Amino acid sequence: MNRSRGFTLLELLVVVSIVALATAGVGLALRDSGQALIEREAARLAALLESARAQSRAGGIPVRWRGDAGGFRFEGLPPSAQAALPSQWLDAGTTVLAPTVLVLGPEPLIGPQQVLITHQAHPERTLRVATDGVRPFTVEPAR
């Protein structure tokens, strides 16, 4: 008695589910590194600007952030605070689109300000780090 045995519907569904999960995992793992790099730089910059803004208000001193093609720097902070804040991008290819100066305080309310950052390898991808002067700096797609 030669009986041919095939796969059950349940076995086929399990295999298809495993293949779908593996495909989804690969898709997430292969996320565009250029966009992730710019997003990481923008989030870091927003946090640094908020830190300097808080130090400016706490110390009652005017602080400026100056960004250009070579990097960025904070001006006006005491030397100890200045040394604690970085002055370089995480990746050397990151740059601001135009030389920019942001005034971070000491007033609690500052005017609306923004800086556009991009990466030399991906110039079509630009993010905007901005505040309306009341709320914290946030990362937004460039308009």
Protein backbone atom coordinates (compact mmCIF):
# COMPACT_ATOMS: atom_id res chain seq x y z
CA MET A 1 0.00 0.00 0.00
CA ASN A 2 1.85 3.03 -1.30
CA ARG A 3 0.20 6.08 0.16
CA SER A 4 1.31 9.51 -0.99
CA ARG A 5 1.51 12.02 1.83
CA GLY A 6 1.54 15.81 1.21
CA PHE A 7 1.72 18.85 3.45
CA THR A 8 -1.26 19.87 5.50
CA LEU A 9 -2.77 23.30 5.23
CA LEU A 10 -1.53 24.13 8.73
CA GLU A 11 2.06 23.25 7.84
CA LEU A 12 1.90 25.44 4.74
CA LEU A 13 0.51 28.37 6.74
CA VAL A 14 3.32 28.07 9.30
CA VAL A 15 5.97 28.12 6.56
CA VAL A 16 4.37 31.12 4.84
CA SER A 17 4.20 32.97 8.19
CA ILE A 18 7.89 32.32 8.88
CA VAL A 19 8.85 33.55 5.42
CA ALA A 20 6.73 36.71 5.90
CA LEU A 21 8.33 37.46 9.27
CA ALA A 22 11.83 36.94 7.86
CA THR A 23 11.08 39.24 4.94
CA ALA A 24 9.76 41.95 7.27
CA GLY A 25 12.86 41.65 9.45
CA VAL A 26 15.17 42.02 6.47
CA GLY A 27 13.20 45.04 5.26
CA LEU A 28 13.58 46.79 8.61
CA ALA A 29 17.26 45.88 8.88
CA LEU A 30 17.99 47.40 5.48
CA ARG A 31 16.63 50.83 6.38
CA ASP A 32 18.20 53.68 4.42
CA SER A 33 21.37 54.53 6.33
CA GLY A 34 21.60 57.99 4.77
CA GLN A 35 18.25 59.05 6.18
CA ALA A 36 19.00 57.44 9.55
CA LEU A 37 22.31 59.34 9.73
CA ILE A 38 20.68 62.72 9.10
CA GLU A 39 17.89 61.94 11.59
CA ARG A 40 20.44 61.03 14.28
CA GLU A 41 22.43 64.22 13.66
CA ALA A 42 19.27 66.36 13.76
CA ALA A 43 18.03 64.78 17.00
CA ARG A 44 21.46 65.29 18.58
CA LEU A 45 21.56 68.93 17.47
CA ALA A 46 18.08 69.59 18.88
CA ALA A 47 19.19 68.16 22.25
CA LEU A 48 22.41 70.20 22.23
CA LEU A 49 20.54 73.40 21.41
CA GLU A 50 18.07 72.79 24.25
CA SER A 51 20.95 72.11 26.65
CA ALA A 52 22.71 75.34 25.70
CA ARG A 53 19.40 77.22 25.87
CA ALA A 54 18.84 75.97 29.44
CA GLN A 55 22.39 76.91 30.45
CA SER A 56 21.91 80.36 28.95
CA ARG A 57 18.73 80.96 30.95
CA ALA A 58 20.17 79.51 34.16
CA GLY A 59 23.31 81.65 33.94
CA GLY A 60 21.65 84.76 32.52
CA ILE A 61 24.25 84.90 29.74
CA PRO A 62 23.66 85.30 26.01
CA VAL A 63 24.58 82.15 24.10
CA ARG A 64 24.81 81.73 20.34
CA TRP A 65 25.13 78.65 18.18
CA ARG A 66 27.08 79.18 14.99
CA GLY A 67 27.02 76.56 12.24
CA ASP A 68 28.93 76.57 8.99
CA ALA A 69 30.36 74.12 6.46
CA GLY A 70 33.16 73.08 8.85
CA GLY A 71 31.03 72.26 11.89
CA PHE A 72 29.46 74.27 14.68
CA ARG A 73 30.29 75.97 17.96
CA PHE A 74 28.58 77.47 20.97
CA GLU A 75 29.60 81.00 21.89
CA GLY A 76 29.09 82.75 25.21
CA LEU A 77 29.13 79.77 27.56
CA PRO A 78 31.65 79.59 30.41
CA PRO A 79 34.75 77.53 29.52
CA SER A 80 33.66 74.53 31.62
CA ALA A 81 30.26 74.37 29.91
CA GLN A 82 31.84 75.06 26.53
CA ALA A 83 34.13 72.07 26.95
CA ALA A 84 31.17 69.82 27.82
CA LEU A 85 29.37 70.55 24.53
CA PRO A 86 30.72 69.08 21.29
CA SER A 87 31.68 71.20 18.32
CA GLN A 88 31.66 68.53 15.63
CA TRP A 89 29.08 66.47 13.82
CA LEU A 90 29.03 62.72 14.40
CA ASP A 91 29.79 62.24 10.70
CA ALA A 92 32.20 64.53 8.88
CA GLY A 93 29.89 64.72 5.85
CA THR A 94 27.11 66.45 7.79
CA THR A 95 26.79 70.16 7.15
CA VAL A 96 24.42 73.11 7.42
CA LEU A 97 22.97 74.41 4.16
CA ALA A 98 23.91 78.02 4.86
CA PRO A 99 25.99 79.65 7.60
CA THR A 100 23.57 80.06 10.48
CA VAL A 101 23.58 81.81 13.85
CA LEU A 102 20.95 80.93 16.47
CA VAL A 103 20.45 83.09 19.56
CA LEU A 104 19.60 80.78 22.48
CA GLY A 105 18.96 83.19 25.32
CA PRO A 106 19.13 84.30 28.09
CA GLU A 107 15.52 85.41 27.64
CA PRO A 108 12.99 82.62 28.21
CA LEU A 109 11.25 83.51 24.94
CA ILE A 110 13.39 83.66 21.82
CA GLY A 111 12.31 84.37 18.28
CA PRO A 112 11.48 81.63 15.80
CA GLN A 113 14.72 80.08 14.57
CA GLN A 114 15.81 77.21 12.37
CA VAL A 115 18.80 75.47 10.90
CA LEU A 116 18.78 73.16 7.87
CA ILE A 117 21.18 70.23 7.95
CA THR A 118 22.08 67.75 5.25
CA HIS A 119 24.80 65.26 4.36
CA GLN A 120 27.23 65.64 1.49
CA ALA A 121 26.57 62.08 0.30
CA HIS A 122 22.79 62.66 0.34
CA PRO A 123 22.19 66.36 -0.50
CA GLU A 124 18.56 65.68 -1.43
CA ARG A 125 17.81 64.74 2.20
CA THR A 126 17.49 67.80 4.38
CA LEU A 127 16.06 68.15 7.86
CA ARG A 128 15.03 71.28 9.71
CA VAL A 129 15.81 71.76 13.41
CA ALA A 130 13.53 74.57 14.53
CA THR A 131 11.70 76.29 17.36
CA ASP A 132 8.91 78.81 17.40
CA GLY A 133 10.68 80.53 20.29
CA VAL A 134 8.46 79.08 23.01
CA ARG A 135 8.60 75.32 22.50
CA PRO A 136 11.78 73.22 22.40
CA PHE A 137 13.75 72.64 19.22
CA THR A 138 12.24 69.86 17.14
CA VAL A 139 13.23 67.97 14.01
CA GLU A 140 11.02 68.40 10.96
CA PRO A 141 11.32 67.65 7.26
CA ALA A 142 12.64 70.64 5.35
CA ARG A 143 10.01 72.52 3.36
